[in-house]
Amino acid sequence: MATTLLKVKNLKVAYGGIQAVKGVSFEVNEGELVSLIGANGAGKTTTLKAVTGTQASAAGEIEFLGKPIKGQGPWDLVKQGLVMVPEGRGTFTRMTITENLQMGAYIRSDGGIPADIERVFMLFPRLKERRNQLAGTMSGGEQQMLAMGRALMGAPKLLMLDEPSLGLAPIIVADIFRIVAELKAAGVAVLLVEQNAQAALAIADRAYVMELGEFILDGTAADIAANQRVVASYLGFQYEGASAI
């Protein structure tokens, strides 16, 4: 039986009097790729921020590897193996690609950092070609790859990705999702927040559909992709075998 890495129960988040997340519960198991899909404003990013401690939660329980982590900040979570790539990438623009990757390993003291940088370069050949280039001079797609590579340098047990395809050209989006699938195949657990539902469901094991701060549906990615309401609302095409909720 797979180990549960992340377990969230009855999570609630409010901005003033507005309930942004209304008591959601979910989990991610070892080696699993789980996707949260939904429209812009559904509460997906807020959910991730609450997990990582960058947004206070009003109620609920959050456990990582069986231990409560609610209230801990990103620094503490990275040391435990929970790493997030935020929307907007957040690269160190005045540092080179190599320096950004080294910063991703800042918490580590082992001797495997150079080898892991080379592994990142194998995943992202474009980064290797530009290893001495300043991050701020790269394209949006290249910066997204760098942000993901930097996160991997922290040796995560669970990698959380917030809208990795946002604003990118279709050919770059295909590259990003291919790499996410490769990470999952290599044993890295992934929690993927994504508006591109079709691409997310194509590589996920399980998925949760979020609307207005609540999960309206969850199950295997294949079942979610065949659901009539999901098809009509998020996938943008008709599927004859789609089922109703």
C-alpha atoms as a PDB file:
ATOM      1  CA  MET A   1       0.000   0.000   0.000  1.00  0.00           C
ATOM      2  CA  ALA A   2       1.342   3.414  -1.006  1.00  0.00           C
ATOM      3  CA  THR A   3       2.406   5.839   1.701  1.00  0.00           C
ATOM      4  CA  THR A   4       0.244   8.954   2.051  1.00  0.00           C
ATOM      5  CA  LEU A   5       2.519  11.968   1.661  1.00  0.00           C
ATOM      6  CA  LEU A   6       0.060  14.851   1.950  1.00  0.00           C
ATOM      7  CA  LYS A   7      -3.290  14.711   3.712  1.00  0.00           C
ATOM      8  CA  VAL A   8      -5.584  17.736   3.892  1.00  0.00           C
ATOM      9  CA  LYS A   9      -8.851  17.599   5.818  1.00  0.00           C
ATOM     10  CA  ASN A  10     -11.650  20.188   5.893  1.00  0.00           C
ATOM     11  CA  LEU A  11      -9.389  23.059   4.806  1.00  0.00           C
ATOM     12  CA  LYS A  12     -11.025  26.487   4.914  1.00  0.00           C
ATOM     13  CA  VAL A  13      -9.483  29.783   3.814  1.00  0.00           C
ATOM     14  CA  ALA A  14     -11.089  33.213   3.958  1.00  0.00           C
ATOM     15  CA  TYR A  15     -10.136  36.639   2.632  1.00  0.00           C
ATOM     16  CA  GLY A  16     -11.967  38.959   4.988  1.00  0.00           C
ATOM     17  CA  GLY A  17     -15.597  37.894   4.803  1.00  0.00           C
ATOM     18  CA  ILE A  18     -15.135  35.937   1.576  1.00  0.00           C
ATOM     19  CA  GLN A  19     -14.809  32.149   1.870  1.00  0.00           C
ATOM     20  CA  ALA A  20     -12.252  31.277  -0.803  1.00  0.00           C
ATOM     21  CA  VAL A  21     -11.847  27.613   0.174  1.00  0.00           C
ATOM     22  CA  LYS A  22     -14.822  25.927   1.820  1.00  0.00           C
ATOM     23  CA  GLY A  23     -13.733  22.810   3.657  1.00  0.00           C
ATOM     24  CA  VAL A  24     -11.879  20.746   1.042  1.00  0.00           C
ATOM     25  CA  SER A  25     -10.244  17.401   1.804  1.00  0.00           C
ATOM     26  CA  PHE A  26      -7.746  15.551  -0.376  1.00  0.00           C
ATOM     27  CA  GLU A  27      -4.568  13.513  -0.289  1.00  0.00           C
ATOM     28  CA  VAL A  28      -1.547  12.677  -2.419  1.00  0.00           C
ATOM     29  CA  ASN A  29       0.176   9.310  -2.153  1.00  0.00           C
ATOM     30  CA  GLU A  30       3.755   8.320  -2.839  1.00  0.00           C
ATOM     31  CA  GLY A  31       4.563   8.133  -6.557  1.00  0.00           C
ATOM     32  CA  GLU A  32       1.202   9.618  -7.528  1.00  0.00           C
ATOM     33  CA  LEU A  33       0.312  12.513  -9.813  1.00  0.00           C
ATOM     34  CA  VAL A  34      -2.817  14.275  -8.582  1.00  0.00           C
ATOM     35  CA  SER A  35      -4.339  17.255 -10.362  1.00  0.00           C
ATOM     36  CA  LEU A  36      -6.612  20.023  -9.097  1.00  0.00           C
ATOM     37  CA  ILE A  37      -8.527  21.442 -12.046  1.00  0.00           C
ATOM     38  CA  GLY A  38     -11.006  24.255 -12.258  1.00  0.00           C
ATOM     39  CA  ALA A  39     -11.626  27.698 -13.654  1.00  0.00           C
ATOM     40  CA  ASN A  40      -9.687  30.800 -12.706  1.00  0.00           C
ATOM     41  CA  GLY A  41     -10.790  31.928  -9.237  1.00  0.00           C
ATOM     42  CA  ALA A  42     -11.975  28.490  -8.130  1.00  0.00           C
ATOM     43  CA  GLY A  43      -9.593  28.454  -5.164  1.00  0.00           C
ATOM     44  CA  LYS A  44      -6.866  26.155  -6.484  1.00  0.00           C
ATOM     45  CA  THR A  45      -3.912  28.464  -5.897  1.00  0.00           C
ATOM     46  CA  THR A  46      -5.262  29.514  -2.505  1.00  0.00           C
ATOM     47  CA  THR A  47      -5.388  25.845  -1.534  1.00  0.00           C
ATOM     48  CA  LEU A  48      -1.714  25.376  -2.404  1.00  0.00           C
ATOM     49  CA  LYS A  49      -0.738  28.554  -0.589  1.00  0.00           C
ATOM     50  CA  ALA A  50      -2.525  27.329   2.526  1.00  0.00           C
ATOM     51  CA  VAL A  51      -0.663  24.018   2.356  1.00  0.00           C
ATOM     52  CA  THR A  52       2.696  25.787   2.076  1.00  0.00           C
ATOM     53  CA  GLY A  53       1.946  28.287   4.818  1.00  0.00           C
ATOM     54  CA  THR A  54       2.075  31.366   2.592  1.00  0.00           C
ATOM     55  CA  GLN A  55      -1.663  31.900   3.162  1.00  0.00           C
ATOM     56  CA  ALA A  56      -3.265  31.503   6.572  1.00  0.00           C
ATOM     57  CA  SER A  57      -6.102  28.981   6.810  1.00  0.00           C
ATOM     58  CA  ALA A  58      -9.210  29.528   8.915  1.00  0.00           C
ATOM     59  CA  ALA A  59      -9.717  25.854   9.736  1.00  0.00           C
ATOM     60  CA  GLY A  60      -8.655  22.358   8.804  1.00  0.00           C
ATOM     61  CA  GLU A  61      -5.816  19.898   9.221  1.00  0.00           C
ATOM     62  CA  ILE A  62      -2.720  19.525   7.031  1.00  0.00           C
ATOM     63  CA  GLU A  63      -0.325  16.612   7.414  1.00  0.00           C
ATOM     64  CA  PHE A  64       2.841  15.729   5.525  1.00  0.00           C
ATOM     65  CA  LEU A  65       4.338  12.280   6.072  1.00  0.00           C
ATOM     66  CA  GLY A  66       1.907  11.769   8.934  1.00  0.00           C
ATOM     67  CA  LYS A  67       2.929  14.893  10.852  1.00  0.00           C
ATOM     68  CA  PRO A  68       0.984  18.171  11.230  1.00  0.00           C
ATOM     69  CA  ILE A  69       2.540  21.006   9.213  1.00  0.00           C
ATOM     70  CA  LYS A  70      -0.130  23.686   9.509  1.00  0.00           C
ATOM     71  CA  GLY A  71       1.470  27.016  10.290  1.00  0.00           C
ATOM     72  CA  GLN A  72       4.924  26.044   9.105  1.00  0.00           C
ATOM     73  CA  GLY A  73       6.561  28.181   6.431  1.00  0.00           C
ATOM     74  CA  PRO A  74       7.994  27.156   3.052  1.00  0.00           C
ATOM     75  CA  TRP A  75      11.546  26.993   4.429  1.00  0.00           C
ATOM     76  CA  ASP A  76      10.595  24.321   6.966  1.00  0.00           C
ATOM     77  CA  LEU A  77       8.530  22.401   4.437  1.00  0.00           C
ATOM     78  CA  VAL A  78      11.305  22.284   1.841  1.00  0.00           C
ATOM     79  CA  LYS A  79      13.584  20.710   4.432  1.00  0.00           C
ATOM     80  CA  GLN A  80      10.937  18.006   4.902  1.00  0.00           C
ATOM     81  CA  GLY A  81      10.604  17.348   1.167  1.00  0.00           C
ATOM     82  CA  LEU A  82       7.542  19.438   0.262  1.00  0.00           C
ATOM     83  CA  VAL A  83       8.460  21.890  -2.515  1.00  0.00           C
ATOM     84  CA  MET A  84       6.244  24.233  -4.533  1.00  0.00           C
ATOM     85  CA  VAL A  85       6.782  25.970  -7.867  1.00  0.00           C
ATOM     86  CA  PRO A  86       4.507  29.029  -7.644  1.00  0.00           C
ATOM     87  CA  GLU A  87       2.559  30.631 -10.414  1.00  0.00           C
ATOM     88  CA  GLY A  88       4.754  33.274 -12.016  1.00  0.00           C
ATOM     89  CA  ARG A  89       7.968  31.195 -11.708  1.00  0.00           C
ATOM     90  CA  GLY A  90       9.874  33.546  -9.385  1.00  0.00           C
ATOM     91  CA  THR A  91      13.358  32.921 -10.753  1.00  0.00           C
ATOM     92  CA  PHE A  92      16.344  34.930  -9.541  1.00  0.00           C
ATOM     93  CA  THR A  93      16.577  37.117 -12.617  1.00  0.00           C
ATOM     94  CA  ARG A  94      20.071  38.503 -11.967  1.00  0.00           C
ATOM     95  CA  MET A  95      21.573  35.074 -11.400  1.00  0.00           C
ATOM     96  CA  THR A  96      22.592  32.592 -14.061  1.00  0.00           C
ATOM     97  CA  ILE A  97      20.726  29.362 -14.692  1.00  0.00           C
ATOM     98  CA  THR A  98      23.407  27.394 -12.847  1.00  0.00           C
ATOM     99  CA  GLU A  99      23.296  29.780  -9.893  1.00  0.00           C
ATOM    100  CA  ASN A 100      19.496  29.444  -9.721  1.00  0.00           C
ATOM    101  CA  LEU A 101      19.840  25.670  -9.571  1.00  0.00           C
ATOM    102  CA  GLN A 102      22.459  25.946  -6.853  1.00  0.00           C
ATOM    103  CA  MET A 103      20.053  28.130  -4.857  1.00  0.00           C
ATOM    104  CA  GLY A 104      17.478  25.353  -5.124  1.00  0.00           C
ATOM    105  CA  ALA A 105      19.906  23.117  -3.228  1.00  0.00           C
ATOM    106  CA  TYR A 106      20.663  25.734  -0.573  1.00  0.00           C
ATOM    107  CA  ILE A 107      19.296  23.572   2.262  1.00  0.00           C
ATOM    108  CA  ARG A 108      21.419  20.584   1.254  1.00  0.00           C
ATOM    109  CA  SER A 109      24.853  19.718   2.572  1.00  0.00           C
ATOM    110  CA  ASP A 110      25.470  16.464   0.690  1.00  0.00           C
ATOM    111  CA  GLY A 111      27.903  15.941  -2.153  1.00  0.00           C
ATOM    112  CA  GLY A 112      25.307  15.095  -4.776  1.00  0.00           C
ATOM    113  CA  ILE A 113      24.498  18.625  -5.902  1.00  0.00           C
ATOM    114  CA  PRO A 114      26.686  18.707  -9.073  1.00  0.00           C
ATOM    115  CA  ALA A 115      25.250  15.370 -10.214  1.00  0.00           C
ATOM    116  CA  ASP A 116      21.706  16.594  -9.603  1.00  0.00           C
ATOM    117  CA  ILE A 117      22.384  19.737 -11.634  1.00  0.00           C
ATOM    118  CA  GLU A 118      23.405  17.482 -14.514  1.00  0.00           C
ATOM    119  CA  ARG A 119      20.195  15.468 -14.064  1.00  0.00           C
ATOM    120  CA  VAL A 120      18.194  18.682 -14.327  1.00  0.00           C
ATOM    121  CA  PHE A 121      20.102  19.528 -17.508  1.00  0.00           C
ATOM    122  CA  MET A 122      19.167  16.102 -18.897  1.00  0.00           C
ATOM    123  CA  LEU A 123      15.495  16.834 -18.217  1.00  0.00           C
ATOM    124  CA  PHE A 124      15.754  20.367 -19.600  1.00  0.00           C
ATOM    125  CA  PRO A 125      18.353  20.446 -22.418  1.00  0.00           C
ATOM    126  CA  ARG A 126      17.538  24.103 -23.130  1.00  0.00           C
ATOM    127  CA  LEU A 127      18.826  25.021 -19.693  1.00  0.00           C
ATOM    128  CA  LYS A 128      22.105  23.228 -20.316  1.00  0.00           C
ATOM    129  CA  GLU A 129      22.611  25.136 -23.552  1.00  0.00           C
ATOM    130  CA  ARG A 130      22.153  28.407 -21.636  1.00  0.00           C
ATOM    131  CA  ARG A 131      23.670  27.430 -18.288  1.00  0.00           C
ATOM    132  CA  ASN A 132      25.624  30.702 -17.953  1.00  0.00           C
ATOM    133  CA  GLN A 133      22.788  32.938 -19.150  1.00  0.00           C
ATOM    134  CA  LEU A 134      21.028  35.305 -16.737  1.00  0.00           C
ATOM    135  CA  ALA A 135      17.588  33.983 -15.844  1.00  0.00           C
ATOM    136  CA  GLY A 136      15.975  37.361 -16.479  1.00  0.00           C
ATOM    137  CA  THR A 137      16.915  37.240 -20.161  1.00  0.00           C
ATOM    138  CA  MET A 138      15.166  33.916 -20.791  1.00  0.00           C
ATOM    139  CA  SER A 139      11.739  33.354 -22.334  1.00  0.00           C
ATOM    140  CA  GLY A 140       8.730  32.589 -20.157  1.00  0.00           C
ATOM    141  CA  GLY A 141       8.859  28.913 -21.060  1.00  0.00           C
ATOM    142  CA  GLU A 142      12.547  28.663 -20.250  1.00  0.00           C
ATOM    143  CA  GLN A 143      11.986  30.386 -16.915  1.00  0.00           C
ATOM    144  CA  GLN A 144       9.232  27.883 -16.110  1.00  0.00           C
ATOM    145  CA  MET A 145      11.644  25.046 -16.836  1.00  0.00           C
ATOM    146  CA  LEU A 146      14.234  26.714 -14.627  1.00  0.00           C
ATOM    147  CA  ALA A 147      11.742  27.127 -11.773  1.00  0.00           C
ATOM    148  CA  MET A 148      10.886  23.445 -11.979  1.00  0.00           C
ATOM    149  CA  GLY A 149      14.549  22.457 -12.164  1.00  0.00           C
ATOM    150  CA  ARG A 150      15.377  24.629  -9.168  1.00  0.00           C
ATOM    151  CA  ALA A 151      12.576  22.956  -7.187  1.00  0.00           C
ATOM    152  CA  LEU A 152      13.941  19.522  -8.068  1.00  0.00           C
ATOM    153  CA  MET A 153      17.310  20.542  -6.633  1.00  0.00           C
ATOM    154  CA  GLY A 154      15.643  20.475  -3.222  1.00  0.00           C
ATOM    155  CA  ALA A 155      15.143  16.697  -3.653  1.00  0.00           C
ATOM    156  CA  PRO A 156      11.379  16.873  -3.079  1.00  0.00           C
ATOM    157  CA  LYS A 157       9.260  13.946  -1.956  1.00  0.00           C
ATOM    158  CA  LEU A 158       6.251  15.901  -3.217  1.00  0.00           C
ATOM    159  CA  LEU A 159       6.471  18.571  -5.914  1.00  0.00           C
ATOM    160  CA  MET A 160       3.573  21.031  -6.114  1.00  0.00           C
ATOM    161  CA  LEU A 161       3.160  22.912  -9.402  1.00  0.00           C
ATOM    162  CA  ASP A 162       0.875  25.936  -9.680  1.00  0.00           C
ATOM    163  CA  GLU A 163      -0.281  26.623 -13.256  1.00  0.00           C
ATOM    164  CA  PRO A 164       2.963  25.606 -15.013  1.00  0.00           C
ATOM    165  CA  SER A 165       1.464  26.110 -18.486  1.00  0.00           C
ATOM    166  CA  LEU A 166       0.047  29.601 -17.872  1.00  0.00           C
ATOM    167  CA  GLY A 167       0.892  32.049 -20.647  1.00  0.00           C
ATOM    168  CA  LEU A 168       3.137  29.676 -22.574  1.00  0.00           C
ATOM    169  CA  ALA A 169       3.126  28.778 -26.269  1.00  0.00           C
ATOM    170  CA  PRO A 170       1.525  25.388 -27.118  1.00  0.00           C
ATOM    171  CA  ILE A 171       4.836  23.770 -28.069  1.00  0.00           C
ATOM    172  CA  ILE A 172       6.346  24.778 -24.699  1.00  0.00           C
ATOM    173  CA  VAL A 173       3.222  23.580 -22.863  1.00  0.00           C
ATOM    174  CA  ALA A 174       3.673  20.168 -24.476  1.00  0.00           C
ATOM    175  CA  ASP A 175       7.288  20.094 -23.258  1.00  0.00           C
ATOM    176  CA  ILE A 176       6.271  21.047 -19.714  1.00  0.00           C
ATOM    177  CA  PHE A 177       3.634  18.325 -19.453  1.00  0.00           C
ATOM    178  CA  ARG A 178       5.968  15.759 -20.972  1.00  0.00           C
ATOM    179  CA  ILE A 179       8.542  16.557 -18.315  1.00  0.00           C
ATOM    180  CA  VAL A 180       5.944  16.433 -15.519  1.00  0.00           C
ATOM    181  CA  ALA A 181       4.942  12.970 -16.738  1.00  0.00           C
ATOM    182  CA  GLU A 182       8.618  11.927 -16.766  1.00  0.00           C
ATOM    183  CA  LEU A 183       9.041  13.122 -13.181  1.00  0.00           C
ATOM    184  CA  LYS A 184       6.065  11.047 -12.119  1.00  0.00           C
ATOM    185  CA  ALA A 185       7.474   8.022 -13.946  1.00  0.00           C
ATOM    186  CA  ALA A 186      10.761   8.544 -12.083  1.00  0.00           C
ATOM    187  CA  GLY A 187       8.913   8.277  -8.764  1.00  0.00           C
ATOM    188  CA  VAL A 188       8.395  11.943  -7.856  1.00  0.00           C
ATOM    189  CA  ALA A 189       4.914  12.553  -6.439  1.00  0.00           C
ATOM    190  CA  VAL A 190       3.266  15.615  -8.011  1.00  0.00           C
ATOM    191  CA  LEU A 191       0.326  17.812  -7.026  1.00  0.00           C
ATOM    192  CA  LEU A 192      -0.565  19.765 -10.157  1.00  0.00           C
ATOM    193  CA  VAL A 193      -2.841  22.812 -10.174  1.00  0.00           C
ATOM    194  CA  GLU A 194      -3.814  23.569 -13.729  1.00  0.00           C
ATOM    195  CA  GLN A 195      -6.461  25.357 -15.818  1.00  0.00           C
ATOM    196  CA  ASN A 196      -5.514  23.269 -18.867  1.00  0.00           C
ATOM    197  CA  ALA A 197      -7.744  20.413 -17.752  1.00  0.00           C
ATOM    198  CA  GLN A 198      -7.289  18.274 -20.843  1.00  0.00           C
ATOM    199  CA  ALA A 199      -3.493  18.219 -20.549  1.00  0.00           C
ATOM    200  CA  ALA A 200      -3.590  17.732 -16.770  1.00  0.00           C
ATOM    201  CA  LEU A 201      -6.014  14.803 -16.904  1.00  0.00           C
ATOM    202  CA  ALA A 202      -3.968  13.139 -19.653  1.00  0.00           C
ATOM    203  CA  ILE A 203      -1.028  12.610 -17.274  1.00  0.00           C
ATOM    204  CA  ALA A 204      -2.701  12.438 -13.835  1.00  0.00           C
ATOM    205  CA  ASP A 205      -3.591   9.351 -11.812  1.00  0.00           C
ATOM    206  CA  ARG A 206      -6.387  11.066  -9.917  1.00  0.00           C
ATOM    207  CA  ALA A 207      -8.035  14.480 -10.024  1.00  0.00           C
ATOM    208  CA  TYR A 208     -10.237  16.836  -8.037  1.00  0.00           C
ATOM    209  CA  VAL A 209     -12.525  19.332  -9.763  1.00  0.00           C
ATOM    210  CA  MET A 210     -12.866  22.623  -7.899  1.00  0.00           C
ATOM    211  CA  GLU A 211     -15.593  25.237  -8.262  1.00  0.00           C
ATOM    212  CA  LEU A 212     -16.094  28.285  -6.048  1.00  0.00           C
ATOM    213  CA  GLY A 213     -13.909  26.943  -3.261  1.00  0.00           C
ATOM    214  CA  GLU A 214     -15.351  23.434  -3.150  1.00  0.00           C
ATOM    215  CA  PHE A 215     -14.596  20.074  -4.744  1.00  0.00           C
ATOM    216  CA  ILE A 216     -17.566  19.057  -6.857  1.00  0.00           C
ATOM    217  CA  LEU A 217     -16.031  15.826  -8.123  1.00  0.00           C
ATOM    218  CA  ASP A 218     -13.042  13.573  -7.567  1.00  0.00           C
ATOM    219  CA  GLY A 219     -11.857  10.232  -8.883  1.00  0.00           C
ATOM    220  CA  THR A 220      -9.466   8.694 -11.352  1.00  0.00           C
ATOM    221  CA  ALA A 221      -8.285  11.001 -14.104  1.00  0.00           C
ATOM    222  CA  ALA A 222      -9.901   8.751 -16.714  1.00  0.00           C
ATOM    223  CA  ASP A 223     -13.290   8.919 -14.988  1.00  0.00           C
ATOM    224  CA  ILE A 224     -13.060  12.679 -14.551  1.00  0.00           C
ATOM    225  CA  ALA A 225     -12.128  13.125 -18.220  1.00  0.00           C
ATOM    226  CA  ALA A 226     -15.190  11.144 -19.260  1.00  0.00           C
ATOM    227  CA  ASN A 227     -17.595  13.047 -17.029  1.00  0.00           C
ATOM    228  CA  GLN A 228     -20.202  15.012 -18.947  1.00  0.00           C
ATOM    229  CA  ARG A 229     -20.047  18.091 -16.728  1.00  0.00           C
ATOM    230  CA  VAL A 230     -16.256  18.225 -16.863  1.00  0.00           C
ATOM    231  CA  VAL A 231     -16.277  17.777 -20.632  1.00  0.00           C
ATOM    232  CA  ALA A 232     -18.796  20.578 -21.100  1.00  0.00           C
ATOM    233  CA  SER A 233     -17.165  22.989 -18.648  1.00  0.00           C
ATOM    234  CA  TYR A 234     -13.431  22.380 -19.012  1.00  0.00           C
ATOM    235  CA  LEU A 235     -12.456  20.177 -21.939  1.00  0.00           C
ATOM    236  CA  GLY A 236     -14.174  22.061 -24.718  1.00  0.00           C
ATOM    237  CA  PHE A 237     -15.279  19.103 -26.810  1.00  0.00           C
ATOM    238  CA  GLN A 238     -18.073  16.546 -26.905  1.00  0.00           C
ATOM    239  CA  TYR A 239     -17.369  13.041 -25.669  1.00  0.00           C
ATOM    240  CA  GLU A 240     -20.015  10.424 -26.518  1.00  0.00           C
ATOM    241  CA  GLY A 241     -19.177   8.225 -23.555  1.00  0.00           C
ATOM    242  CA  ALA A 242     -19.297  11.037 -21.009  1.00  0.00           C
ATOM    243  CA  SER A 243     -21.301  10.361 -17.879  1.00  0.00           C
ATOM    244  CA  ALA A 244     -23.275  12.769 -15.741  1.00  0.00           C
ATOM    245  CA  ILE A 245     -22.289  13.537 -12.164  1.00  0.00           C
END
